[in-house]
Amino acid sequence: GRGQDIAGMKMPVKYVCEMFIDRISASKNYQREKYTDRSPIEYYLKSV
């Protein structure tokens, strides 16, 4: 709003779910055989 600092807006749920899937898929493609179900959260926590 006017006079407020720039910030992240609340995302629609369907795009949050797509972001979730995007992170899984990117981790699988780059880590390949090293991928586990913990890989996406571990990568996320490095930069959140």
All heavy atoms as atom14 arrays in JSON, in Angstrom:
{
  "sequence": "GRGQDIAGMKMPVKYVCEMFIDRISASKNYQREKYTDRSPIEYYLKSV",
  "atom14_mask": [
    [1, 1, 1, 1, 0, 0, 0, 0, 0, 0, 0, 0, 0, 0],
    [1, 1, 1, 1, 1, 1, 1, 1, 1, 1, 1, 0, 0, 0],
    [1, 1, 1, 1, 0, 0, 0, 0, 0, 0, 0, 0, 0, 0],
    [1, 1, 1, 1, 1, 1, 1, 1, 1, 0, 0, 0, 0, 0],
    [1, 1, 1, 1, 1, 1, 1, 1, 0, 0, 0, 0, 0, 0],
    [1, 1, 1, 1, 1, 1, 1, 1, 0, 0, 0, 0, 0, 0],
    [1, 1, 1, 1, 1, 0, 0, 0, 0, 0, 0, 0, 0, 0],
    [1, 1, 1, 1, 0, 0, 0, 0, 0, 0, 0, 0, 0, 0],
    [1, 1, 1, 1, 1, 1, 1, 1, 0, 0, 0, 0, 0, 0],
    [1, 1, 1, 1, 1, 1, 1, 1, 1, 0, 0, 0, 0, 0],
    [1, 1, 1, 1, 1, 1, 1, 1, 0, 0, 0, 0, 0, 0],
    [1, 1, 1, 1, 1, 1, 1, 0, 0, 0, 0, 0, 0, 0],
    [1, 1, 1, 1, 1, 1, 1, 0, 0, 0, 0, 0, 0, 0],
    [1, 1, 1, 1, 1, 1, 1, 1, 1, 0, 0, 0, 0, 0],
    [1, 1, 1, 1, 1, 1, 1, 1, 1, 1, 1, 1, 0, 0],
    [1, 1, 1, 1, 1, 1, 1, 0, 0, 0, 0, 0, 0, 0],
    [1, 1, 1, 1, 1, 1, 0, 0, 0, 0, 0, 0, 0, 0],
    [1, 1, 1, 1, 1, 1, 1, 1, 1, 0, 0, 0, 0, 0],
    [1, 1, 1, 1, 1, 1, 1, 1, 0, 0, 0, 0, 0, 0],
    [1, 1, 1, 1, 1, 1, 1, 1, 1, 1, 1, 0, 0, 0],
    [1, 1, 1, 1, 1, 1, 1, 1, 0, 0, 0, 0, 0, 0],
    [1, 1, 1, 1, 1, 1, 1, 1, 0, 0, 0, 0, 0, 0],
    [1, 1, 1, 1, 1, 1, 1, 1, 1, 1, 1, 0, 0, 0],
    [1, 1, 1, 1, 1, 1, 1, 1, 0, 0, 0, 0, 0, 0],
    [1, 1, 1, 1, 1, 1, 0, 0, 0, 0, 0, 0, 0, 0],
    [1, 1, 1, 1, 1, 0, 0, 0, 0, 0, 0, 0, 0, 0],
    [1, 1, 1, 1, 1, 1, 0, 0, 0, 0, 0, 0, 0, 0],
    [1, 1, 1, 1, 1, 1, 1, 1, 1, 0, 0, 0, 0, 0],
    [1, 1, 1, 1, 1, 1, 1, 1, 0, 0, 0, 0, 0, 0],
    [1, 1, 1, 1, 1, 1, 1, 1, 1, 1, 1, 1, 0, 0],
    [1, 1, 1, 1, 1, 1, 1, 1, 1, 0, 0, 0, 0, 0],
    [1, 1, 1, 1, 1, 1, 1, 1, 1, 1, 1, 0, 0, 0],
    [1, 1, 1, 1, 1, 1, 1, 1, 1, 0, 0, 0, 0, 0],
    [1, 1, 1, 1, 1, 1, 1, 1, 1, 0, 0, 0, 0, 0],
    [1, 1, 1, 1, 1, 1, 1, 1, 1, 1, 1, 1, 0, 0],
    [1, 1, 1, 1, 1, 1, 1, 0, 0, 0, 0, 0, 0, 0],
    [1, 1, 1, 1, 1, 1, 1, 1, 0, 0, 0, 0, 0, 0],
    [1, 1, 1, 1, 1, 1, 1, 1, 1, 1, 1, 0, 0, 0],
    [1, 1, 1, 1, 1, 1, 0, 0, 0, 0, 0, 0, 0, 0],
    [1, 1, 1, 1, 1, 1, 1, 0, 0, 0, 0, 0, 0, 0],
    [1, 1, 1, 1, 1, 1, 1, 1, 0, 0, 0, 0, 0, 0],
    [1, 1, 1, 1, 1, 1, 1, 1, 1, 0, 0, 0, 0, 0],
    [1, 1, 1, 1, 1, 1, 1, 1, 1, 1, 1, 1, 0, 0],
    [1, 1, 1, 1, 1, 1, 1, 1, 1, 1, 1, 1, 0, 0],
    [1, 1, 1, 1, 1, 1, 1, 1, 0, 0, 0, 0, 0, 0],
    [1, 1, 1, 1, 1, 1, 1, 1, 1, 0, 0, 0, 0, 0],
    [1, 1, 1, 1, 1, 1, 0, 0, 0, 0, 0, 0, 0, 0],
    [1, 1, 1, 1, 1, 1, 1, 0, 0, 0, 0, 0, 0, 0]
  ],
  "atom14_positions": [
    [[0.84, -1.2, 0.0], [0.0, 0.0, 0.0], [0.86, 1.24, 0.0], [2.1, 1.17, 0.09], [0.0, 0.0, 0.0], [0.0, 0.0, 0.0], [0.0, 0.0, 0.0], [0.0, 0.0, 0.0], [0.0, 0.0, 0.0], [0.0, 0.0, 0.0], [0.0, 0.0, 0.0], [0.0, 0.0, 0.0], [0.0, 0.0, 0.0], [0.0, 0.0, 0.0]],
    [[0.24, 2.37, -0.1], [0.97, 3.64, -0.16], [1.81, 3.84, 1.1], [1.33, 3.7, 2.22], [-0.01, 4.8, -0.32], [0.65, 6.17, -0.42], [-0.37, 7.27, -0.65], [-1.04, 7.12, -1.94], [-1.99, 7.94, -2.38], [-2.39, 8.96, -1.61], [-2.55, 7.74, -3.55], [0.0, 0.0, 0.0], [0.0, 0.0, 0.0], [0.0, 0.0, 0.0]],
    [[3.09, 4.15, 0.9], [3.97, 4.42, 2.02], [4.52, 3.18, 2.69], [5.27, 3.29, 3.67], [0.0, 0.0, 0.0], [0.0, 0.0, 0.0], [0.0, 0.0, 0.0], [0.0, 0.0, 0.0], [0.0, 0.0, 0.0], [0.0, 0.0, 0.0], [0.0, 0.0, 0.0], [0.0, 0.0, 0.0], [0.0, 0.0, 0.0], [0.0, 0.0, 0.0]],
    [[4.18, 1.98, 2.19], [4.66, 0.75, 2.8], [5.84, 0.18, 2.02], [5.97, 0.41, 0.82], [3.53, -0.29, 2.85], [2.34, 0.14, 3.7], [1.29, -0.96, 3.81], [1.63, -2.12, 4.0], [0.03, -0.59, 3.66], [0.0, 0.0, 0.0], [0.0, 0.0, 0.0], [0.0, 0.0, 0.0], [0.0, 0.0, 0.0], [0.0, 0.0, 0.0]],
    [[6.69, -0.55, 2.71], [7.86, -1.14, 2.08], [7.46, -2.3, 1.17], [6.45, -2.97, 1.39], [8.83, -1.67, 3.15], [9.45, -0.54, 3.96], [9.54, 0.59, 3.43], [9.86, -0.8, 5.11], [0.0, 0.0, 0.0], [0.0, 0.0, 0.0], [0.0, 0.0, 0.0], [0.0, 0.0, 0.0], [0.0, 0.0, 0.0], [0.0, 0.0, 0.0]],
    [[8.27, -2.52, 0.16], [8.04, -3.63, -0.76], [8.08, -4.95, 0.01], [8.85, -5.11, 0.97], [9.09, -3.61, -1.89], [8.66, -4.54, -3.03], [10.48, -3.95, -1.37], [9.5, -4.36, -4.28], [0.0, 0.0, 0.0], [0.0, 0.0, 0.0], [0.0, 0.0, 0.0], [0.0, 0.0, 0.0], [0.0, 0.0, 0.0], [0.0, 0.0, 0.0]],
    [[7.23, -5.88, -0.37], [7.12, -7.14, 0.38], [6.53, -8.23, -0.51], [6.03, -7.97, -1.6], [6.23, -6.94, 1.61], [0.0, 0.0, 0.0], [0.0, 0.0, 0.0], [0.0, 0.0, 0.0], [0.0, 0.0, 0.0], [0.0, 0.0, 0.0], [0.0, 0.0, 0.0], [0.0, 0.0, 0.0], [0.0, 0.0, 0.0], [0.0, 0.0, 0.0]],
    [[6.6, -9.46, -0.02], [5.99, -10.58, -0.73], [4.51, -10.62, -0.47], [4.06, -10.52, 0.68], [0.0, 0.0, 0.0], [0.0, 0.0, 0.0], [0.0, 0.0, 0.0], [0.0, 0.0, 0.0], [0.0, 0.0, 0.0], [0.0, 0.0, 0.0], [0.0, 0.0, 0.0], [0.0, 0.0, 0.0], [0.0, 0.0, 0.0], [0.0, 0.0, 0.0]],
    [[3.73, -10.76, -1.54], [2.28, -10.89, -1.41], [1.89, -12.36, -1.22], [2.64, -13.27, -1.58], [1.58, -10.34, -2.65], [1.91, -8.89, -2.99], [1.32, -7.71, -1.75], [2.84, -7.34, -0.88], [0.0, 0.0, 0.0], [0.0, 0.0, 0.0], [0.0, 0.0, 0.0], [0.0, 0.0, 0.0], [0.0, 0.0, 0.0], [0.0, 0.0, 0.0]],
    [[0.73, -12.58, -0.67], [0.25, -13.94, -0.45], [-0.09, -14.6, -1.79], [-0.91, -14.1, -2.55], [-0.97, -13.91, 0.47], [-1.46, -15.29, 0.92], [-2.52, -15.13, 1.99], [-3.02, -16.48, 2.49], [-3.97, -16.34, 3.62], [0.0, 0.0, 0.0], [0.0, 0.0, 0.0], [0.0, 0.0, 0.0], [0.0, 0.0, 0.0], [0.0, 0.0, 0.0]],
    [[0.54, -15.73, -2.07], [0.33, -16.42, -3.34], [-0.94, -17.26, -3.32], [-1.26, -17.86, -2.29], [1.52, -17.34, -3.65], [2.82, -16.64, -3.96], [4.23, -17.79, -4.12], [3.69, -18.78, -5.54], [0.0, 0.0, 0.0], [0.0, 0.0, 0.0], [0.0, 0.0, 0.0], [0.0, 0.0, 0.0], [0.0, 0.0, 0.0], [0.0, 0.0, 0.0]],
    [[-1.66, -17.35, -4.44], [-2.78, -18.29, -4.53], [-2.28, -19.71, -4.3], [-1.16, -20.07, -4.7], [-3.26, -18.1, -5.97], [-2.86, -16.71, -6.34], [-1.53, -16.5, -5.65], [0.0, 0.0, 0.0], [0.0, 0.0, 0.0], [0.0, 0.0, 0.0], [0.0, 0.0, 0.0], [0.0, 0.0, 0.0], [0.0, 0.0, 0.0], [0.0, 0.0, 0.0]],
    [[-3.09, -20.53, -3.66], [-2.69, -21.88, -3.27], [-2.2, -22.7, -4.46], [-1.21, -23.44, -4.36], [-3.85, -22.6, -2.55], [-3.53, -24.08, -2.35], [-4.15, -21.95, -1.21], [0.0, 0.0, 0.0], [0.0, 0.0, 0.0], [0.0, 0.0, 0.0], [0.0, 0.0, 0.0], [0.0, 0.0, 0.0], [0.0, 0.0, 0.0], [0.0, 0.0, 0.0]],
    [[-2.88, -22.59, -5.6], [-2.5, -23.43, -6.75], [-1.09, -23.14, -7.23], [-0.4, -24.04, -7.73], [-3.5, -23.28, -7.89], [-3.57, -21.91, -8.54], [-4.59, -21.91, -9.66], [-4.66, -20.56, -10.38], [-5.66, -20.59, -11.5], [0.0, 0.0, 0.0], [0.0, 0.0, 0.0], [0.0, 0.0, 0.0], [0.0, 0.0, 0.0], [0.0, 0.0, 0.0]],
    [[-0.63, -21.9, -7.06], [0.73, -21.57, -7.48], [1.76, -21.98, -6.43], [2.9, -22.29, -6.77], [0.85, -20.09, -7.8], [0.03, -19.68, -9.01], [-0.97, -18.72, -8.92], [0.24, -20.3, -10.24], [-1.74, -18.37, -10.03], [-0.52, -19.95, -11.36], [-1.51, -18.99, -11.23], [-2.26, -18.65, -12.32], [0.0, 0.0, 0.0], [0.0, 0.0, 0.0]],
    [[1.36, -22.0, -5.17], [2.25, -22.52, -4.13], [2.48, -24.02, -4.37], [3.6, -24.51, -4.24], [1.67, -22.3, -2.72], [2.67, -22.78, -1.66], [1.34, -20.83, -2.48], [0.0, 0.0, 0.0], [0.0, 0.0, 0.0], [0.0, 0.0, 0.0], [0.0, 0.0, 0.0], [0.0, 0.0, 0.0], [0.0, 0.0, 0.0], [0.0, 0.0, 0.0]],
    [[1.42, -24.7, -4.76], [1.54, -26.14, -5.05], [2.41, -26.38, -6.28], [3.19, -27.34, -6.31], [0.16, -26.76, -5.24], [-0.83, -26.8, -3.72], [0.0, 0.0, 0.0], [0.0, 0.0, 0.0], [0.0, 0.0, 0.0], [0.0, 0.0, 0.0], [0.0, 0.0, 0.0], [0.0, 0.0, 0.0], [0.0, 0.0, 0.0], [0.0, 0.0, 0.0]],
    [[2.3, -25.52, -7.28], [3.16, -25.65, -8.45], [4.62, -25.35, -8.06], [5.54, -26.01, -8.57], [2.71, -24.7, -9.55], [3.49, -24.87, -10.86], [3.05, -23.91, -11.95], [2.06, -23.16, -11.76], [3.71, -23.9, -13.02], [0.0, 0.0, 0.0], [0.0, 0.0, 0.0], [0.0, 0.0, 0.0], [0.0, 0.0, 0.0], [0.0, 0.0, 0.0]],
    [[4.84, -24.38, -7.19], [6.18, -24.09, -6.69], [6.76, -25.29, -5.96], [7.94, -25.63, -6.13], [6.15, -22.87, -5.77], [7.49, -22.55, -5.12], [7.56, -20.91, -4.32], [6.32, -21.09, -3.03], [0.0, 0.0, 0.0], [0.0, 0.0, 0.0], [0.0, 0.0, 0.0], [0.0, 0.0, 0.0], [0.0, 0.0, 0.0], [0.0, 0.0, 0.0]],
    [[5.94, -25.95, -5.18], [6.33, -27.17, -4.46], [6.79, -28.24, -5.46], [7.86, -28.84, -5.32], [5.14, -27.64, -3.63], [5.25, -29.03, -3.08], [6.18, -29.34, -2.09], [4.4, -30.04, -3.54], [6.26, -30.63, -1.58], [4.49, -31.32, -3.03], [5.41, -31.63, -2.04], [0.0, 0.0, 0.0], [0.0, 0.0, 0.0], [0.0, 0.0, 0.0]],
    [[6.01, -28.46, -6.49], [6.33, -29.46, -7.5], [7.57, -29.05, -8.29], [8.41, -29.89, -8.64], [5.12, -29.69, -8.42], [4.04, -30.46, -7.66], [5.52, -30.42, -9.71], [2.71, -30.56, -8.38], [0.0, 0.0, 0.0], [0.0, 0.0, 0.0], [0.0, 0.0, 0.0], [0.0, 0.0, 0.0], [0.0, 0.0, 0.0], [0.0, 0.0, 0.0]],
    [[7.7, -27.77, -8.58], [8.86, -27.26, -9.3], [10.14, -27.56, -8.54], [11.16, -27.96, -9.13], [8.69, -25.76, -9.52], [9.8, -25.15, -10.36], [10.12, -25.71, -11.43], [10.33, -24.09, -9.98], [0.0, 0.0, 0.0], [0.0, 0.0, 0.0], [0.0, 0.0, 0.0], [0.0, 0.0, 0.0], [0.0, 0.0, 0.0], [0.0, 0.0, 0.0]],
    [[10.11, -27.38, -7.23], [11.3, -27.62, -6.41], [11.66, -29.11, -6.36], [12.84, -29.47, -6.4], [11.07, -27.07, -5.0], [11.09, -25.55, -4.96], [10.79, -24.98, -3.6], [11.01, -23.54, -3.6], [12.18, -22.95, -3.41], [13.25, -23.7, -3.15], [12.31, -21.64, -3.45], [0.0, 0.0, 0.0], [0.0, 0.0, 0.0], [0.0, 0.0, 0.0]],
    [[10.66, -29.95, -6.29], [10.91, -31.39, -6.32], [11.56, -31.78, -7.64], [12.57, -32.5, -7.69], [9.6, -32.18, -6.14], [9.02, -31.96, -4.74], [9.82, -33.68, -6.39], [7.63, -32.54, -4.56], [0.0, 0.0, 0.0], [0.0, 0.0, 0.0], [0.0, 0.0, 0.0], [0.0, 0.0, 0.0], [0.0, 0.0, 0.0], [0.0, 0.0, 0.0]],
    [[10.98, -31.31, -8.73], [11.44, -31.68, -10.07], [12.85, -31.17, -10.34], [13.68, -31.88, -10.93], [10.47, -31.15, -11.12], [9.17, -31.65, -10.9], [0.0, 0.0, 0.0], [0.0, 0.0, 0.0], [0.0, 0.0, 0.0], [0.0, 0.0, 0.0], [0.0, 0.0, 0.0], [0.0, 0.0, 0.0], [0.0, 0.0, 0.0], [0.0, 0.0, 0.0]],
    [[13.14, -29.95, -9.91], [14.48, -29.39, -10.1], [15.51, -30.2, -9.31], [16.6, -30.49, -9.81], [14.51, -27.92, -9.67], [0.0, 0.0, 0.0], [0.0, 0.0, 0.0], [0.0, 0.0, 0.0], [0.0, 0.0, 0.0], [0.0, 0.0, 0.0], [0.0, 0.0, 0.0], [0.0, 0.0, 0.0], [0.0, 0.0, 0.0], [0.0, 0.0, 0.0]],
    [[15.16, -30.57, -8.09], [16.08, -31.37, -7.27], [16.33, -32.73, -7.91], [17.47, -33.21, -7.93], [15.5, -31.55, -5.86], [15.45, -30.33, -5.16], [0.0, 0.0, 0.0], [0.0, 0.0, 0.0], [0.0, 0.0, 0.0], [0.0, 0.0, 0.0], [0.0, 0.0, 0.0], [0.0, 0.0, 0.0], [0.0, 0.0, 0.0], [0.0, 0.0, 0.0]],
    [[15.3, -33.34, -8.46], [15.46, -34.64, -9.11], [16.35, -34.53, -10.34], [17.23, -35.38, -10.58], [14.1, -35.19, -9.52], [13.27, -35.73, -8.37], [11.95, -36.3, -8.88], [11.15, -36.93, -7.75], [9.86, -37.5, -8.21], [0.0, 0.0, 0.0], [0.0, 0.0, 0.0], [0.0, 0.0, 0.0], [0.0, 0.0, 0.0], [0.0, 0.0, 0.0]],
    [[16.15, -33.49, -11.14], [16.92, -33.34, -12.37], [18.39, -33.03, -12.12], [19.26, -33.52, -12.84], [16.3, -32.24, -13.25], [15.13, -32.76, -14.06], [15.12, -33.9, -14.5], [14.12, -31.92, -14.25], [0.0, 0.0, 0.0], [0.0, 0.0, 0.0], [0.0, 0.0, 0.0], [0.0, 0.0, 0.0], [0.0, 0.0, 0.0], [0.0, 0.0, 0.0]],
    [[18.67, -32.23, -11.1], [20.05, -31.86, -10.85], [20.79, -32.87, -9.97], [21.98, -33.11, -10.16], [20.12, -30.46, -10.22], [19.88, -29.35, -11.22], [18.87, -28.42, -11.03], [20.66, -29.23, -12.36], [18.64, -27.39, -11.95], [20.45, -28.22, -13.29], [19.43, -27.3, -13.08], [19.22, -26.31, -13.99], [0.0, 0.0, 0.0], [0.0, 0.0, 0.0]],
    [[20.09, -33.49, -9.03], [20.75, -34.42, -8.12], [20.73, -35.86, -8.62], [21.52, -36.68, -8.19], [20.12, -34.35, -6.73], [20.31, -33.0, -6.07], [19.86, -32.98, -4.62], [19.16, -33.88, -4.16], [20.25, -31.96, -3.89], [0.0, 0.0, 0.0], [0.0, 0.0, 0.0], [0.0, 0.0, 0.0], [0.0, 0.0, 0.0], [0.0, 0.0, 0.0]],
    [[19.77, -36.15, -9.49], [19.66, -37.48, -10.11], [19.64, -38.58, -9.06], [18.77, -38.62, -8.22], [20.79, -37.64, -11.14], [20.68, -36.62, -12.27], [21.79, -36.74, -13.27], [21.63, -35.69, -14.28], [22.6, -34.94, -14.74], [23.84, -35.13, -14.31], [22.37, -34.02, -15.66], [0.0, 0.0, 0.0], [0.0, 0.0, 0.0], [0.0, 0.0, 0.0]],
    [[20.62, -39.51, -9.12], [20.58, -40.67, -8.23], [20.81, -40.31, -6.76], [20.51, -41.11, -5.87], [21.62, -41.72, -8.67], [23.07, -41.32, -8.49], [23.59, -40.45, -9.63], [22.84, -40.23, -10.61], [24.75, -40.0, -9.54], [0.0, 0.0, 0.0], [0.0, 0.0, 0.0], [0.0, 0.0, 0.0], [0.0, 0.0, 0.0], [0.0, 0.0, 0.0]],
    [[21.3, -39.1, -6.49], [21.51, -38.67, -5.12], [20.24, -38.1, -4.48], [20.2, -37.84, -3.28], [22.62, -37.61, -5.07], [23.99, -38.14, -5.47], [25.04, -37.03, -5.39], [26.42, -37.55, -5.8], [27.45, -36.47, -5.74], [0.0, 0.0, 0.0], [0.0, 0.0, 0.0], [0.0, 0.0, 0.0], [0.0, 0.0, 0.0], [0.0, 0.0, 0.0]],
    [[19.2, -37.94, -5.28], [17.95, -37.35, -4.77], [17.28, -38.25, -3.74], [17.22, -39.48, -3.89], [16.98, -37.11, -5.93], [15.61, -36.64, -5.48], [15.36, -35.29, -5.25], [14.57, -37.55, -5.25], [14.11, -34.86, -4.81], [13.33, -37.13, -4.81], [13.11, -35.79, -4.6], [11.87, -35.35, -4.16], [0.0, 0.0, 0.0], [0.0, 0.0, 0.0]],
    [[16.75, -37.61, -2.69], [15.88, -38.28, -1.72], [14.71, -37.35, -1.45], [14.71, -36.18, -1.86], [16.61, -38.57, -0.39], [16.83, -37.33, 0.31], [17.93, -39.28, -0.63], [0.0, 0.0, 0.0], [0.0, 0.0, 0.0], [0.0, 0.0, 0.0], [0.0, 0.0, 0.0], [0.0, 0.0, 0.0], [0.0, 0.0, 0.0], [0.0, 0.0, 0.0]],
    [[13.72, -37.82, -0.72], [12.56, -36.99, -0.4], [12.94, -35.81, 0.5], [12.14, -34.88, 0.67], [11.47, -37.82, 0.27], [10.75, -38.73, -0.72], [10.7, -38.39, -1.91], [10.24, -39.79, -0.29], [0.0, 0.0, 0.0], [0.0, 0.0, 0.0], [0.0, 0.0, 0.0], [0.0, 0.0, 0.0], [0.0, 0.0, 0.0], [0.0, 0.0, 0.0]],
    [[14.12, -35.85, 1.08], [14.59, -34.73, 1.91], [15.33, -33.67, 1.09], [15.57, -32.55, 1.58], [15.51, -35.22, 3.04], [14.8, -36.05, 4.1], [15.64, -36.14, 5.37], [15.78, -34.83, 6.01], [14.89, -34.3, 6.83], [13.77, -34.94, 7.11], [15.11, -33.11, 7.37], [0.0, 0.0, 0.0], [0.0, 0.0, 0.0], [0.0, 0.0, 0.0]],
    [[15.68, -33.98, -0.13], [16.49, -33.06, -0.95], [15.84, -31.69, -1.14], [16.5, -30.66, -0.98], [16.8, -33.69, -2.3], [17.6, -34.84, -2.16], [0.0, 0.0, 0.0], [0.0, 0.0, 0.0], [0.0, 0.0, 0.0], [0.0, 0.0, 0.0], [0.0, 0.0, 0.0], [0.0, 0.0, 0.0], [0.0, 0.0, 0.0], [0.0, 0.0, 0.0]],
    [[14.54, -31.62, -1.49], [13.93, -30.29, -1.71], [13.93, -29.39, -0.47], [14.21, -28.2, -0.58], [12.5, -30.63, -2.16], [12.61, -31.99, -2.77], [13.62, -32.7, -1.91], [0.0, 0.0, 0.0], [0.0, 0.0, 0.0], [0.0, 0.0, 0.0], [0.0, 0.0, 0.0], [0.0, 0.0, 0.0], [0.0, 0.0, 0.0], [0.0, 0.0, 0.0]],
    [[13.64, -29.94, 0.7], [13.63, -29.1, 1.9], [15.05, -28.71, 2.29], [15.3, -27.59, 2.75], [12.91, -29.8, 3.09], [12.76, -28.82, 4.27], [13.63, -31.05, 3.53], [11.93, -27.62, 3.99], [0.0, 0.0, 0.0], [0.0, 0.0, 0.0], [0.0, 0.0, 0.0], [0.0, 0.0, 0.0], [0.0, 0.0, 0.0], [0.0, 0.0, 0.0]],
    [[16.01, -29.57, 2.08], [17.4, -29.25, 2.4], [17.9, -28.11, 1.52], [18.59, -27.21, 1.99], [18.28, -30.49, 2.24], [18.05, -31.52, 3.34], [18.78, -32.82, 3.09], [19.36, -32.98, 1.98], [18.78, -33.68, 3.99], [0.0, 0.0, 0.0], [0.0, 0.0, 0.0], [0.0, 0.0, 0.0], [0.0, 0.0, 0.0], [0.0, 0.0, 0.0]],
    [[17.56, -28.14, 0.24], [17.96, -27.07, -0.66], [17.25, -25.76, -0.3], [17.85, -24.69, -0.28], [17.64, -27.44, -2.11], [18.08, -26.4, -3.11], [19.4, -26.34, -3.52], [17.18, -25.48, -3.63], [19.82, -25.37, -4.43], [17.58, -24.51, -4.53], [18.9, -24.46, -4.93], [19.3, -23.5, -5.82], [0.0, 0.0, 0.0], [0.0, 0.0, 0.0]],
    [[15.97, -25.86, 0.02], [15.17, -24.69, 0.4], [15.75, -24.0, 1.63], [15.87, -22.77, 1.67], [13.73, -25.15, 0.67], [12.84, -24.13, 1.33], [12.1, -23.23, 0.58], [12.7, -24.09, 2.72], [11.26, -22.31, 1.18], [11.87, -23.17, 3.33], [11.15, -22.29, 2.56], [10.32, -21.37, 3.16], [0.0, 0.0, 0.0], [0.0, 0.0, 0.0]],
    [[16.15, -24.77, 2.63], [16.63, -24.21, 3.89], [17.97, -23.48, 3.73], [18.33, -22.65, 4.57], [16.77, -25.32, 4.94], [15.44, -25.91, 5.44], [15.71, -27.09, 6.36], [14.6, -24.86, 6.14], [0.0, 0.0, 0.0], [0.0, 0.0, 0.0], [0.0, 0.0, 0.0], [0.0, 0.0, 0.0], [0.0, 0.0, 0.0], [0.0, 0.0, 0.0]],
    [[18.7, -23.76, 2.66], [19.98, -23.11, 2.43], [19.82, -21.63, 2.09], [20.74, -20.84, 2.28], [20.74, -23.81, 1.31], [21.26, -25.2, 1.67], [21.97, -25.84, 0.48], [22.47, -27.23, 0.82], [23.13, -27.86, -0.36], [0.0, 0.0, 0.0], [0.0, 0.0, 0.0], [0.0, 0.0, 0.0], [0.0, 0.0, 0.0], [0.0, 0.0, 0.0]],
    [[18.65, -21.26, 1.55], [18.5, -19.88, 1.07], [17.25, -19.15, 1.56], [17.07, -17.97, 1.28], [18.5, -19.88, -0.47], [17.54, -20.79, -0.98], [0.0, 0.0, 0.0], [0.0, 0.0, 0.0], [0.0, 0.0, 0.0], [0.0, 0.0, 0.0], [0.0, 0.0, 0.0], [0.0, 0.0, 0.0], [0.0, 0.0, 0.0], [0.0, 0.0, 0.0]],
    [[16.39, -19.82, 2.32], [15.11, -19.22, 2.7], [15.27, -17.94, 3.53], [14.39, -17.07, 3.52], [14.23, -20.24, 3.47], [14.87, -20.62, 4.8], [12.82, -19.7, 3.68], [0.0, 0.0, 0.0], [0.0, 0.0, 0.0], [0.0, 0.0, 0.0], [0.0, 0.0, 0.0], [0.0, 0.0, 0.0], [0.0, 0.0, 0.0], [0.0, 0.0, 0.0]]
  ]
}
